[in-house]
């Protein structure tokens, strides 16, 4: 498992974590924002009119209404990225990461407008009478680059597992286990059956379910978030200020948080922003291609609202809950995930500025004197005897560490090689920073609802993540139709549901890293295609407004 995780991290180093990727993603959004003269601002009001049916044209081809298409696309984006993803970004990059999530969303509103418009224009009717669209179709028919369409479709199928199925299931299972003590195996089994019942009904059943889930889950989550924010109202302005102050400098060390450079906060903020709103990834256009309209630009208008709702509203609420509650800098008792642990030589302390600086350089991959530990550790009743090492867990100095096997304190020797435990049966627990869903869940208990706040996160997570899994199954089966035709849909759905179940009992860090890789493999071909069709996009917008003037 650790070898797979390391491979994914290495691959991510050339993709999402590479220095060029945030600039490519934001650069395309910035280019189209200028090229189309700030459509995310100019067309914002008109977009609400379209989604509410103000410009509805009877008899238009399609499978869903504008609202249902928006709900399906939102169900694909409003998911674990809004709960666990924001927490993960802050855990890695501090408050500054939230600023870059905002920037990703603002520019992403334009990117999504472009990708949805072009995908809707080149959509096709399948043999079963439903619509199929997405970037693979404009790459094929608009650019005459079928090979690129095939590459994108393959990446979409992979991303369906890495973005839609596995992270969602994993986060649901972790959240329900932490809150209600439900075994992940049971969670995965029950939800896999429910998922199968929904997705086998096709886009109409999917749209019906998501159009009910999205408004419900959003209201529940917003109420819970505001209960924490108003409870910690004195910390609200300092939290906002830290986001802006650290945006171009990086986040300073605070509590157990050892700090983050500007580059790291920028990269993680953009990366998590993409995971949350998927602007530029090319996924949402697949849902919007099902909308009943003969005007591709009209559906593009609807999509402008997605990053706004997903990131500017919901992710901001999550971020303010975490920052205002203060839990992100505190160490908490938890079981350390193996992928989060590294043993280093020597004894380091949070109380020493020199130690903090050295570990900060180590975590940010700068040259320093910190070395990974190799050797044997003697334990008595789970406690190290005369330790000559420091355990870094979740990017913080672990405290009060205990080793156990099958729930019992372990006595004897354990071996560490190059910073990693060699015995997979050893469980290590203690106090450290926490991240992802666990961090958000804890933050929600610091409000007017007290400990009951964790139930809001669990319910929100269940609805968010489950609806995301539903939408991504649709994205994947549309990609399979493009690749092999209708015959590929059912096998894909079976494997998709199986992956959903398997991820419920998998390592959280591994699943997040898989998602990070899958996203970028899908995004880069899509952004290339959008730039190639820039003149066509501008022409489509001009034609649309000419038609609107005639009405």
Protein backbone atom coordinates (compact mmCIF):
# COMPACT_ATOMS: atom_id res chain seq x y z
CA UNK A 1 0.00 0.00 0.00
CA UNK A 2 2.82 2.40 0.87
CA UNK A 3 4.54 1.62 -2.44
CA UNK A 4 1.36 2.47 -4.34
CA UNK A 5 0.97 5.67 -2.35
CA UNK A 6 4.57 6.66 -3.08
CA UNK A 7 4.07 5.98 -6.79
CA UNK A 8 0.98 8.22 -6.81
CA UNK A 9 2.88 10.97 -5.01
CA UNK A 10 5.69 10.72 -7.56
CA UNK A 11 3.21 10.87 -10.44
CA UNK A 12 1.43 13.80 -8.82
CA UNK A 13 4.80 15.57 -8.66
CA UNK A 14 4.79 15.70 -12.48
CA UNK A 15 1.08 16.62 -12.66
CA UNK A 16 -1.06 18.44 -10.09
CA UNK A 17 1.80 19.26 -7.72
CA UNK A 18 4.13 20.39 -10.50
CA UNK A 19 4.94 24.10 -10.56
CA UNK A 20 3.40 24.60 -14.01
CA UNK A 21 -0.07 23.17 -13.32
CA UNK A 22 -1.67 25.99 -11.28
CA UNK A 23 -0.45 28.52 -13.84
CA UNK A 24 -1.92 26.52 -16.71
CA UNK A 25 -5.29 26.14 -14.98
CA UNK A 26 -5.56 29.75 -13.81
CA UNK A 27 -3.98 31.01 -17.02
CA UNK A 28 -6.70 29.50 -19.22
CA UNK A 29 -9.41 30.93 -16.97
CA UNK A 30 -7.70 34.32 -16.94
CA UNK A 31 -7.32 34.30 -20.73
CA UNK A 32 -11.01 33.56 -21.36
CA UNK A 33 -12.06 36.05 -18.68
CA UNK A 34 -10.31 38.80 -20.67
CA UNK A 35 -11.10 37.34 -24.09
CA UNK A 36 -14.85 37.18 -23.36
CA UNK A 37 -14.84 40.37 -21.25
CA UNK A 38 -15.62 39.00 -17.78
CA UNK A 39 -18.62 36.79 -18.56
CA UNK A 40 -18.77 35.57 -14.95
CA UNK A 41 -19.80 39.10 -13.99
CA UNK A 42 -21.68 40.32 -17.07
CA UNK A 43 -23.78 37.17 -17.50
CA UNK A 44 -24.33 36.31 -13.83
CA UNK A 45 -27.85 37.75 -13.60
CA UNK A 46 -28.87 36.29 -16.95
CA UNK A 47 -27.68 32.87 -15.79
CA UNK A 48 -30.20 32.89 -12.93
CA UNK A 49 -32.93 33.72 -15.42
CA UNK A 50 -32.00 30.76 -17.61
CA UNK A 51 -31.86 28.25 -14.75
CA UNK A 52 -35.27 29.34 -13.45
CA UNK A 53 -36.85 28.73 -16.86
CA UNK A 54 -37.36 32.36 -17.87
CA UNK A 55 -36.06 31.71 -21.40
CA UNK A 56 -37.35 28.16 -21.76
CA UNK A 57 -38.13 27.03 -25.30
CA UNK A 58 -40.75 24.24 -25.63
CA UNK A 59 -39.83 21.22 -27.75
CA UNK A 60 -36.04 21.52 -27.39
CA UNK A 61 -34.16 18.23 -27.46
CA UNK A 62 -32.66 16.87 -24.27
CA UNK A 63 -33.22 14.69 -21.23
CA UNK A 64 -33.31 17.18 -18.33
CA UNK A 65 -34.34 20.73 -17.49
CA UNK A 66 -31.75 23.48 -16.91
CA UNK A 67 -32.24 23.15 -13.17
CA UNK A 68 -31.89 19.37 -13.24
CA UNK A 69 -28.72 19.61 -15.34
CA UNK A 70 -27.32 22.18 -12.89
CA UNK A 71 -28.30 19.97 -9.94
CA UNK A 72 -26.64 16.93 -11.50
CA UNK A 73 -23.47 18.91 -12.22
CA UNK A 74 -23.52 20.43 -8.73
CA UNK A 75 -24.01 17.01 -7.19
CA UNK A 76 -20.82 16.04 -8.99
CA UNK A 77 -18.90 19.02 -7.61
CA UNK A 78 -20.46 19.62 -4.19
CA UNK A 79 -18.99 16.67 -2.37
CA UNK A 80 -16.05 15.70 -0.20
CA UNK A 81 -14.04 18.56 -1.71
CA UNK A 82 -16.29 20.97 0.16
CA UNK A 83 -15.90 19.15 3.48
CA UNK A 84 -12.70 17.12 3.49
CA UNK A 85 -10.99 18.92 0.60
CA UNK A 86 -11.10 22.40 2.15
CA UNK A 87 -9.81 20.99 5.44
CA UNK A 88 -7.02 19.19 3.58
CA UNK A 89 -6.04 22.40 1.75
CA UNK A 90 -5.86 24.39 5.01
CA UNK A 91 -4.00 21.54 6.72
CA UNK A 92 -1.36 21.65 3.95
CA UNK A 93 -1.17 25.33 3.07
CA UNK A 94 -2.78 27.20 5.95
CA UNK A 95 -5.33 30.03 5.50
CA UNK A 96 -3.60 31.21 2.30
CA UNK A 97 -4.79 28.09 0.50
CA UNK A 98 -8.40 29.28 0.83
CA UNK A 99 -7.59 32.49 -1.05
CA UNK A 100 -6.30 30.50 -4.01
CA UNK A 101 -9.40 28.33 -3.92
CA UNK A 102 -11.39 31.56 -4.36
CA UNK A 103 -9.25 32.66 -7.29
CA UNK A 104 -9.65 29.24 -8.88
CA UNK A 105 -13.42 29.54 -8.54
CA UNK A 106 -13.66 33.09 -9.92
CA UNK A 107 -11.64 32.30 -13.02
CA UNK A 108 -13.22 28.85 -13.15
CA UNK A 109 -16.66 30.41 -13.65
CA UNK A 110 -15.46 31.51 -17.09
CA UNK A 111 -13.68 28.25 -17.84
CA UNK A 112 -16.81 26.28 -17.05
CA UNK A 113 -18.90 28.62 -19.23
CA UNK A 114 -16.62 27.84 -22.19
CA UNK A 115 -16.33 24.08 -21.71
CA UNK A 116 -20.08 23.58 -21.19
CA UNK A 117 -21.03 25.70 -24.21
CA UNK A 118 -18.70 23.84 -26.57
CA UNK A 119 -19.63 20.42 -25.19
CA UNK A 120 -23.35 21.11 -25.55
CA UNK A 121 -22.87 22.31 -29.12
CA UNK A 122 -21.25 19.04 -30.21
CA UNK A 123 -23.40 16.62 -28.22
CA UNK A 124 -24.97 13.56 -29.91
CA UNK A 125 -28.06 11.42 -29.47
CA UNK A 126 -27.21 7.83 -28.49
CA UNK A 127 -28.95 4.68 -29.81
CA UNK A 128 -31.07 4.51 -26.65
CA UNK A 129 -32.44 8.02 -27.31
CA UNK A 130 -30.52 9.87 -24.58
CA UNK A 131 -28.01 12.66 -25.13
CA UNK A 132 -24.25 12.24 -24.80
CA UNK A 133 -21.79 15.10 -24.71
CA UNK A 134 -18.60 16.33 -23.16
CA UNK A 135 -15.16 17.56 -24.20
CA UNK A 136 -14.42 14.30 -26.05
CA UNK A 137 -17.10 15.28 -28.58
CA UNK A 138 -15.78 18.77 -29.31
CA UNK A 139 -12.25 17.35 -29.51
CA UNK A 140 -13.45 14.80 -32.04
CA UNK A 141 -15.91 16.83 -34.13
CA UNK A 142 -14.69 20.37 -33.50
CA UNK A 143 -10.95 19.82 -33.60
CA UNK A 144 -10.88 16.66 -35.73
CA UNK A 145 -8.62 15.14 -33.08
CA UNK A 146 -10.31 11.86 -32.24
CA UNK A 147 -7.17 10.59 -30.51
CA UNK A 148 -7.45 13.45 -28.02
CA UNK A 149 -11.13 12.67 -27.47
CA UNK A 150 -10.23 9.04 -26.78
CA UNK A 151 -7.51 10.11 -24.34
CA UNK A 152 -9.94 12.38 -22.51
CA UNK A 153 -12.65 9.69 -22.37
CA UNK A 154 -10.19 7.17 -20.91
CA UNK A 155 -9.12 9.75 -18.33
CA UNK A 156 -12.79 10.38 -17.53
CA UNK A 157 -13.38 6.72 -16.80
CA UNK A 158 -10.31 6.67 -14.54
CA UNK A 159 -11.40 9.89 -12.86
CA UNK A 160 -14.85 8.45 -12.24
CA UNK A 161 -13.14 6.09 -9.82
CA UNK A 162 -10.47 8.52 -8.57
CA UNK A 163 -12.82 11.49 -8.12
CA UNK A 164 -16.39 10.27 -8.01
CA UNK A 165 -16.47 6.80 -6.54
CA UNK A 166 -13.55 6.11 -4.23
CA UNK A 167 -12.93 9.41 -2.34
CA UNK A 168 -16.67 9.84 -1.75
CA UNK A 169 -17.14 6.35 -0.32
CA UNK A 170 -14.00 6.62 1.76
CA UNK A 171 -15.01 9.92 3.33
CA UNK A 172 -18.54 8.74 4.06
CA UNK A 173 -17.18 5.64 5.78
CA UNK A 174 -14.64 7.63 7.85
CA UNK A 175 -17.26 10.20 8.86
CA UNK A 176 -19.89 7.67 9.90
CA UNK A 177 -17.36 5.57 11.78
CA UNK A 178 -16.05 8.58 13.73
CA UNK A 179 -19.53 9.90 14.52
CA UNK A 180 -21.70 6.82 14.91
CA UNK A 181 -19.15 4.01 15.23
CA UNK A 182 -20.52 2.26 12.13
CA UNK A 183 -18.14 -0.28 10.61
CA UNK A 184 -16.90 0.96 7.17
CA UNK A 185 -17.69 -2.48 5.73
CA UNK A 186 -21.37 -2.03 6.61
CA UNK A 187 -21.42 1.55 5.30
CA UNK A 188 -19.83 0.52 2.02
CA UNK A 189 -22.19 -2.41 1.56
CA UNK A 190 -25.43 -0.53 2.18
CA UNK A 191 -24.52 2.54 0.14
CA UNK A 192 -23.22 0.45 -2.73
CA UNK A 193 -26.64 -1.18 -3.03
CA UNK A 194 -28.39 2.22 -2.97
CA UNK A 195 -25.94 3.58 -5.53
CA UNK A 196 -26.66 0.68 -7.86
CA UNK A 197 -30.42 1.23 -7.57
CA UNK A 198 -30.06 4.88 -8.61
CA UNK A 199 -27.50 4.68 -11.40
CA UNK A 200 -29.15 1.75 -13.15
CA UNK A 201 -32.11 4.03 -13.81
CA UNK A 202 -30.09 6.27 -16.13
CA UNK A 203 -29.95 10.06 -16.39
CA UNK A 204 -33.64 10.71 -15.70
CA UNK A 205 -33.56 8.90 -12.37
CA UNK A 206 -30.18 10.43 -11.57
CA UNK A 207 -31.49 13.95 -12.32
CA UNK A 208 -34.62 13.36 -10.24
CA UNK A 209 -32.61 12.20 -7.21
CA UNK A 210 -29.92 14.89 -7.42
CA UNK A 211 -32.42 17.74 -7.90
CA UNK A 212 -33.93 16.73 -4.55
CA UNK A 213 -30.65 16.04 -2.75
CA UNK A 214 -28.68 19.16 -3.72
CA UNK A 215 -31.02 21.81 -2.23
CA UNK A 216 -31.63 19.72 0.89
CA UNK A 217 -28.01 19.01 1.65
CA UNK A 218 -26.99 22.61 1.00
CA UNK A 219 -29.53 24.04 3.47
CA UNK A 220 -28.57 21.57 6.21
CA UNK A 221 -24.87 22.25 5.79
CA UNK A 222 -25.19 26.04 5.67
CA UNK A 223 -27.22 26.09 8.90
CA UNK A 224 -24.60 23.97 10.66
CA UNK A 225 -21.73 26.12 9.40
CA UNK A 226 -23.36 29.39 10.45
CA UNK A 227 -23.95 27.95 13.92
CA UNK A 228 -20.19 27.59 14.34
CA UNK A 229 -19.24 30.88 12.67
CA UNK A 230 -21.62 33.00 14.78
CA UNK A 231 -20.57 31.15 17.94
CA UNK A 232 -16.97 32.17 17.19
CA UNK A 233 -17.90 35.54 15.70
CA UNK A 234 -14.96 37.30 17.39
CA UNK A 235 -12.59 35.12 15.38
CA UNK A 236 -14.35 35.66 12.05
CA UNK A 237 -12.59 38.84 10.96
CA UNK A 238 -9.11 37.63 12.04
CA UNK A 239 -9.79 34.44 10.07
CA UNK A 240 -10.72 36.37 6.92
CA UNK A 241 -7.74 38.66 7.43
CA UNK A 242 -5.34 35.72 7.68
CA UNK A 243 -6.56 34.42 4.34
CA UNK A 244 -5.76 37.71 2.60
CA UNK A 245 -2.60 38.55 4.55
CA UNK A 246 -0.99 35.18 3.89
CA UNK A 247 -2.08 34.90 0.24
CA UNK A 248 1.22 36.09 -1.25
CA UNK A 249 3.59 35.25 1.59
CA UNK A 250 2.57 31.77 2.72
CA UNK A 251 1.13 30.84 6.11
CA UNK A 252 3.25 31.26 9.23
CA UNK A 253 3.63 28.58 11.89
CA UNK A 254 0.86 28.50 14.50
CA UNK A 255 0.36 25.95 17.26
CA UNK A 256 1.12 22.49 15.91
CA UNK A 257 1.07 23.83 12.32
CA UNK A 258 4.68 24.19 11.19
CA UNK A 259 3.94 26.66 8.38
CA UNK A 260 3.67 26.62 4.59
CA UNK A 261 5.45 28.51 1.82
CA UNK A 262 3.62 30.71 -0.69
CA UNK A 263 4.31 28.18 -3.44
CA UNK A 264 2.87 25.34 -1.40
CA UNK A 265 -0.24 27.27 -0.34
CA UNK A 266 -0.77 28.46 -3.92
CA UNK A 267 -0.39 24.99 -5.39
CA UNK A 268 -2.56 23.24 -2.80
CA UNK A 269 -5.24 25.93 -2.96
CA UNK A 270 -5.52 25.72 -6.74
CA UNK A 271 -5.38 21.92 -6.68
CA UNK A 272 -8.09 21.60 -4.02
CA UNK A 273 -10.12 24.31 -5.73
CA UNK A 274 -10.12 22.25 -8.90
CA UNK A 275 -11.07 19.12 -6.95
CA UNK A 276 -13.99 21.01 -5.43
CA UNK A 277 -15.54 22.89 -8.39
CA UNK A 278 -13.96 20.89 -11.27
CA UNK A 279 -13.76 23.99 -13.49
CA UNK A 280 -11.51 23.08 -16.40
CA UNK A 281 -11.64 19.37 -15.69
CA UNK A 282 -14.35 18.79 -18.29
CA UNK A 283 -16.66 16.70 -16.10
CA UNK A 284 -19.65 19.02 -15.62
CA UNK A 285 -20.13 19.54 -19.39
CA UNK A 286 -21.14 15.89 -19.61
CA UNK A 287 -24.10 16.56 -17.30
CA UNK A 288 -25.02 19.83 -18.98
CA UNK A 289 -25.11 18.13 -22.39
CA UNK A 290 -28.35 16.46 -21.28
CA UNK A 291 -30.21 19.80 -20.88
CA UNK A 292 -33.26 20.58 -23.02
CA UNK A 293 -32.15 23.56 -25.06
CA UNK A 294 -31.13 24.39 -28.60
CA UNK A 295 -28.86 27.17 -27.38
CA UNK A 296 -25.48 25.86 -26.16
CA UNK A 297 -24.54 29.28 -24.80
CA UNK A 298 -27.66 29.30 -22.62
CA UNK A 299 -26.53 26.13 -20.91
CA UNK A 300 -23.05 27.60 -20.62
CA UNK A 301 -24.63 30.50 -18.73
CA UNK A 302 -26.16 28.07 -16.24
CA UNK A 303 -22.76 26.54 -15.52
CA UNK A 304 -21.34 29.91 -14.44
CA UNK A 305 -23.28 29.44 -11.20
CA UNK A 306 -21.55 26.18 -10.27
CA UNK A 307 -18.15 27.42 -9.02
CA UNK A 308 -19.92 30.32 -7.32
CA UNK A 309 -22.23 28.04 -5.32
CA UNK A 310 -19.67 25.30 -4.80
CA UNK A 311 -16.56 27.24 -3.85
CA UNK A 312 -17.36 30.90 -3.21
CA UNK A 313 -20.27 29.96 -0.90
CA UNK A 314 -19.95 26.41 0.44
CA UNK A 315 -16.14 26.07 0.57
CA UNK A 316 -15.84 29.50 2.16
CA UNK A 317 -18.28 28.48 4.89
CA UNK A 318 -16.24 25.34 5.57
CA UNK A 319 -13.02 27.34 5.63
CA UNK A 320 -14.40 29.92 8.07
CA UNK A 321 -15.70 27.16 10.34
CA UNK A 322 -12.24 25.57 10.50
CA UNK A 323 -10.31 28.82 10.90
CA UNK A 324 -12.65 30.57 13.35
CA UNK A 325 -12.93 27.50 15.58
CA UNK A 326 -9.13 27.29 15.83
CA UNK A 327 -9.01 23.49 15.62
CA UNK A 328 -6.68 23.46 12.62
CA UNK A 329 -3.62 24.41 14.72
CA UNK A 330 -4.37 22.12 17.69
CA UNK A 331 -3.13 18.58 18.17
CA UNK A 332 -5.78 15.93 18.76
CA UNK A 333 -5.77 12.33 19.89
CA UNK A 334 -6.04 10.03 16.87
CA UNK A 335 -4.76 6.87 15.23
CA UNK A 336 -2.02 7.80 12.76
CA UNK A 337 -2.42 6.67 9.17
CA UNK A 338 0.73 4.99 7.95
CA UNK A 339 1.01 7.23 4.90
CA UNK A 340 0.99 10.26 7.25
CA UNK A 341 3.87 9.00 9.45
CA UNK A 342 7.62 9.53 9.11
CA UNK A 343 10.26 8.83 11.77
CA UNK A 344 13.22 11.24 11.77
CA UNK A 345 16.52 11.16 13.64
CA UNK A 346 16.84 13.19 16.83
CA UNK A 347 14.35 14.76 19.22
CA UNK A 348 12.51 17.88 18.06
CA UNK A 349 10.15 20.14 20.01
CA UNK A 350 7.43 22.63 19.09
CA UNK A 351 8.80 24.92 21.79
CA UNK A 352 12.11 25.47 19.99
CA UNK A 353 12.06 27.91 17.06
CA UNK A 354 15.15 26.28 15.53
CA UNK A 355 13.45 22.86 15.56
CA UNK A 356 10.29 24.24 13.99
CA UNK A 357 12.31 25.91 11.25
CA UNK A 358 14.25 22.76 10.43
CA UNK A 359 11.10 20.64 10.24
CA UNK A 360 9.39 23.32 8.16
CA UNK A 361 12.25 23.10 5.66
CA UNK A 362 12.01 19.31 5.72
CA UNK A 363 8.26 19.32 5.02
CA UNK A 364 8.64 21.87 2.21
CA UNK A 365 11.40 19.78 0.59
CA UNK A 366 14.14 22.33 1.15
CA UNK A 367 17.71 21.26 1.93
CA UNK A 368 18.29 20.83 5.66
CA UNK A 369 19.84 18.55 8.26
CA UNK A 370 16.74 16.47 9.09
CA UNK A 371 17.35 12.78 8.30
CA UNK A 372 14.93 9.87 8.14
CA UNK A 373 15.34 7.40 10.99
CA UNK A 374 16.38 3.77 10.54
CA UNK A 375 16.83 1.36 13.44
CA UNK A 376 15.04 -0.57 16.18
CA UNK A 377 12.72 0.97 18.77
CA UNK A 378 12.37 -0.72 22.15
CA UNK A 379 8.86 -0.62 23.60
CA UNK A 380 7.49 -1.39 27.05
CA UNK A 381 3.71 -1.49 27.28
CA UNK A 382 3.49 0.45 24.01
CA UNK A 383 5.79 3.27 25.13
CA UNK A 384 9.25 3.88 23.53
CA UNK A 385 12.18 3.48 25.92
CA UNK A 386 14.83 6.23 25.64
CA UNK A 387 13.69 7.35 22.16
CA UNK A 388 16.29 8.85 19.83
CA UNK A 389 13.75 9.79 17.17
CA UNK A 390 10.82 12.11 16.50
CA UNK A 391 7.64 10.93 14.85
CA UNK A 392 6.20 13.34 12.30
CA UNK A 393 2.49 12.56 11.96
CA UNK A 394 0.17 14.61 9.74
CA UNK A 395 2.91 17.23 9.19
CA UNK A 396 3.26 17.88 12.94
CA UNK A 397 5.37 16.63 15.85
CA UNK A 398 3.47 13.70 17.34
CA UNK A 399 3.09 13.56 21.12
CA UNK A 400 2.17 10.87 23.66
CA UNK A 401 2.68 8.13 21.07
CA UNK A 402 1.69 4.54 21.81
CA UNK A 403 2.28 1.35 19.81
CA UNK A 404 -0.18 -1.55 19.85
CA UNK A 405 -1.16 -4.75 18.06
CA UNK A 406 -4.77 -5.98 17.95
CA UNK A 407 -5.73 -3.37 20.53
CA UNK A 408 -3.10 -4.36 23.11
CA UNK A 409 0.00 -2.31 24.06
CA UNK A 410 3.08 -3.87 22.45
CA UNK A 411 6.30 -4.71 24.27
CA UNK A 412 9.42 -5.63 22.36
CA UNK A 413 11.31 -4.27 19.36
CA UNK A 414 9.87 -2.68 16.22
CA UNK A 415 11.97 -1.90 13.15
CA UNK A 416 11.99 1.34 11.18
CA UNK A 417 13.67 1.58 7.78
CA UNK A 418 14.08 4.92 6.03
CA UNK A 419 11.48 6.54 8.25
CA UNK A 420 8.81 3.84 7.86
CA UNK A 421 7.62 1.03 10.13
CA UNK A 422 8.27 -2.38 8.58
CA UNK A 423 5.54 -4.28 10.48
CA UNK A 424 2.10 -3.47 8.99
CA UNK A 425 0.29 -4.93 12.03
CA UNK A 426 1.62 -2.23 14.37
CA UNK A 427 -0.88 0.54 15.17
CA UNK A 428 0.44 3.91 16.31
CA UNK A 429 -1.65 6.54 18.02
CA UNK A 430 -1.14 9.77 19.89
CA UNK A 431 -1.67 13.50 19.52
CA UNK A 432 -1.06 15.32 16.22
CA UNK A 433 -2.74 17.62 13.76
CA UNK A 434 -5.65 16.07 11.87
CA UNK A 435 -6.93 16.72 8.37
CA UNK A 436 -9.67 16.06 5.83
CA UNK A 437 -13.09 15.03 7.12
CA UNK A 438 -11.93 14.52 10.71
CA UNK A 439 -10.82 18.15 10.94
CA UNK A 440 -14.09 19.55 9.59
CA UNK A 441 -16.12 17.25 11.84
CA UNK A 442 -14.26 18.45 14.91
CA UNK A 443 -14.65 22.11 13.86
CA UNK A 444 -18.44 21.70 13.63
CA UNK A 445 -18.56 20.72 17.31
CA UNK A 446 -17.25 24.18 18.30
CA UNK A 447 -20.55 26.00 17.79
CA UNK A 448 -24.06 26.41 19.18
CA UNK A 449 -24.88 22.75 18.53
CA UNK A 450 -21.86 21.52 20.52
CA UNK A 451 -21.08 17.84 20.03
CA UNK A 452 -24.27 17.49 17.96
CA UNK A 453 -22.55 19.52 15.25
CA UNK A 454 -20.68 16.43 14.14
CA UNK A 455 -23.97 14.89 13.08
CA UNK A 456 -24.52 17.76 10.63
CA UNK A 457 -21.17 17.00 9.02
CA UNK A 458 -21.97 13.30 8.86
CA UNK A 459 -25.37 13.91 7.28
CA UNK A 460 -23.98 16.56 4.93
CA UNK A 461 -21.07 14.33 4.00
CA UNK A 462 -23.38 11.42 3.35
CA UNK A 463 -25.62 13.46 1.05
CA UNK A 464 -22.81 15.41 -0.62
CA UNK A 465 -20.59 12.44 -1.29
CA UNK A 466 -23.36 10.06 -2.31
CA UNK A 467 -24.78 12.52 -4.82
CA UNK A 468 -21.28 13.09 -6.21
CA UNK A 469 -20.86 9.36 -6.70
CA UNK A 470 -24.18 9.28 -8.57
CA UNK A 471 -23.18 12.07 -10.95
CA UNK A 472 -19.74 10.65 -11.65
CA UNK A 473 -21.18 7.29 -12.60
CA UNK A 474 -23.12 9.13 -15.31
CA UNK A 475 -19.95 10.90 -16.48
CA UNK A 476 -18.15 7.59 -16.71
CA UNK A 477 -20.87 5.78 -18.62
CA UNK A 478 -21.10 8.65 -21.16
CA UNK A 479 -17.34 8.28 -21.67
CA UNK A 480 -17.78 4.53 -22.16
CA UNK A 481 -20.44 5.20 -24.81
CA UNK A 482 -17.94 7.37 -26.67
CA UNK A 483 -15.23 4.72 -26.41
CA UNK A 484 -17.06 1.44 -27.08
CA UNK A 485 -20.76 2.23 -27.43
CA UNK A 486 -23.79 1.30 -25.33
CA UNK A 487 -22.41 -2.18 -24.61
CA UNK A 488 -19.77 -0.69 -22.33
CA UNK A 489 -22.20 1.04 -19.98
CA UNK A 490 -23.36 -1.88 -17.81
CA UNK A 491 -19.88 -3.38 -17.18
CA UNK A 492 -18.65 0.07 -16.21
CA UNK A 493 -21.49 0.56 -13.74
CA UNK A 494 -20.78 -2.80 -12.11
CA UNK A 495 -17.07 -2.00 -11.64
CA UNK A 496 -17.94 1.51 -10.49
CA UNK A 497 -20.18 0.24 -7.71
CA UNK A 498 -17.53 -2.34 -6.75
CA UNK A 499 -14.91 0.43 -6.51
CA UNK A 500 -17.29 2.46 -4.35
CA UNK A 501 -17.54 -0.45 -1.91
CA UNK A 502 -13.79 -1.19 -1.88
CA UNK A 503 -12.83 2.41 -1.08
CA UNK A 504 -14.93 2.38 2.08
CA UNK A 505 -12.29 0.19 3.72
CA UNK A 506 -9.19 1.74 2.10
CA UNK A 507 -6.56 4.19 3.37
CA UNK A 508 -7.79 7.82 3.25
CA UNK A 509 -4.50 9.35 2.17
CA UNK A 510 -4.07 6.84 -0.65
CA UNK A 511 -7.53 7.63 -2.03
CA UNK A 512 -6.95 11.39 -1.93
CA UNK A 513 -3.66 10.99 -3.78
CA UNK A 514 -5.34 8.81 -6.40
CA UNK A 515 -7.94 11.52 -6.91
CA UNK A 516 -5.28 14.21 -7.28
CA UNK A 517 -3.61 12.30 -10.12
CA UNK A 518 -6.83 11.38 -11.93
CA UNK A 519 -8.06 14.98 -11.98
CA UNK A 520 -5.04 16.36 -13.80
CA UNK A 521 -4.90 13.59 -16.37
CA UNK A 522 -8.39 14.68 -17.36
CA UNK A 523 -7.84 18.43 -17.12
CA UNK A 524 -4.84 19.10 -19.36
CA UNK A 525 -6.36 17.75 -22.64
CA UNK A 526 -9.57 19.65 -21.90
CA UNK A 527 -7.79 22.99 -21.41
CA UNK A 528 -5.86 22.45 -24.64
CA UNK A 529 -9.10 21.84 -26.52
CA UNK A 530 -10.74 24.97 -25.12
CA UNK A 531 -7.88 27.18 -26.25
CA UNK A 532 -7.93 25.66 -29.73
CA UNK A 533 -11.66 26.53 -30.08
CA UNK A 534 -11.45 30.03 -28.59
CA UNK A 535 -12.59 31.82 -31.78
CA UNK A 536 -15.54 29.50 -32.19
CA UNK A 537 -16.55 30.14 -28.59
CA UNK A 538 -16.48 33.90 -29.06
CA UNK A 539 -18.56 33.55 -32.21
CA UNK A 540 -21.17 31.43 -30.40
CA UNK A 541 -21.56 34.05 -27.67
CA UNK A 542 -22.04 36.80 -30.25
CA UNK A 543 -24.69 34.79 -32.12
CA UNK A 544 -26.55 34.07 -28.88
CA UNK A 545 -26.89 37.72 -27.95
CA UNK A 546 -27.99 38.60 -31.47
CA UNK A 547 -30.83 36.08 -31.11
CA UNK A 548 -31.73 37.47 -27.69
CA UNK A 549 -31.99 40.99 -29.14
CA UNK A 550 -34.37 39.73 -31.83
CA UNK A 551 -36.67 38.36 -29.12
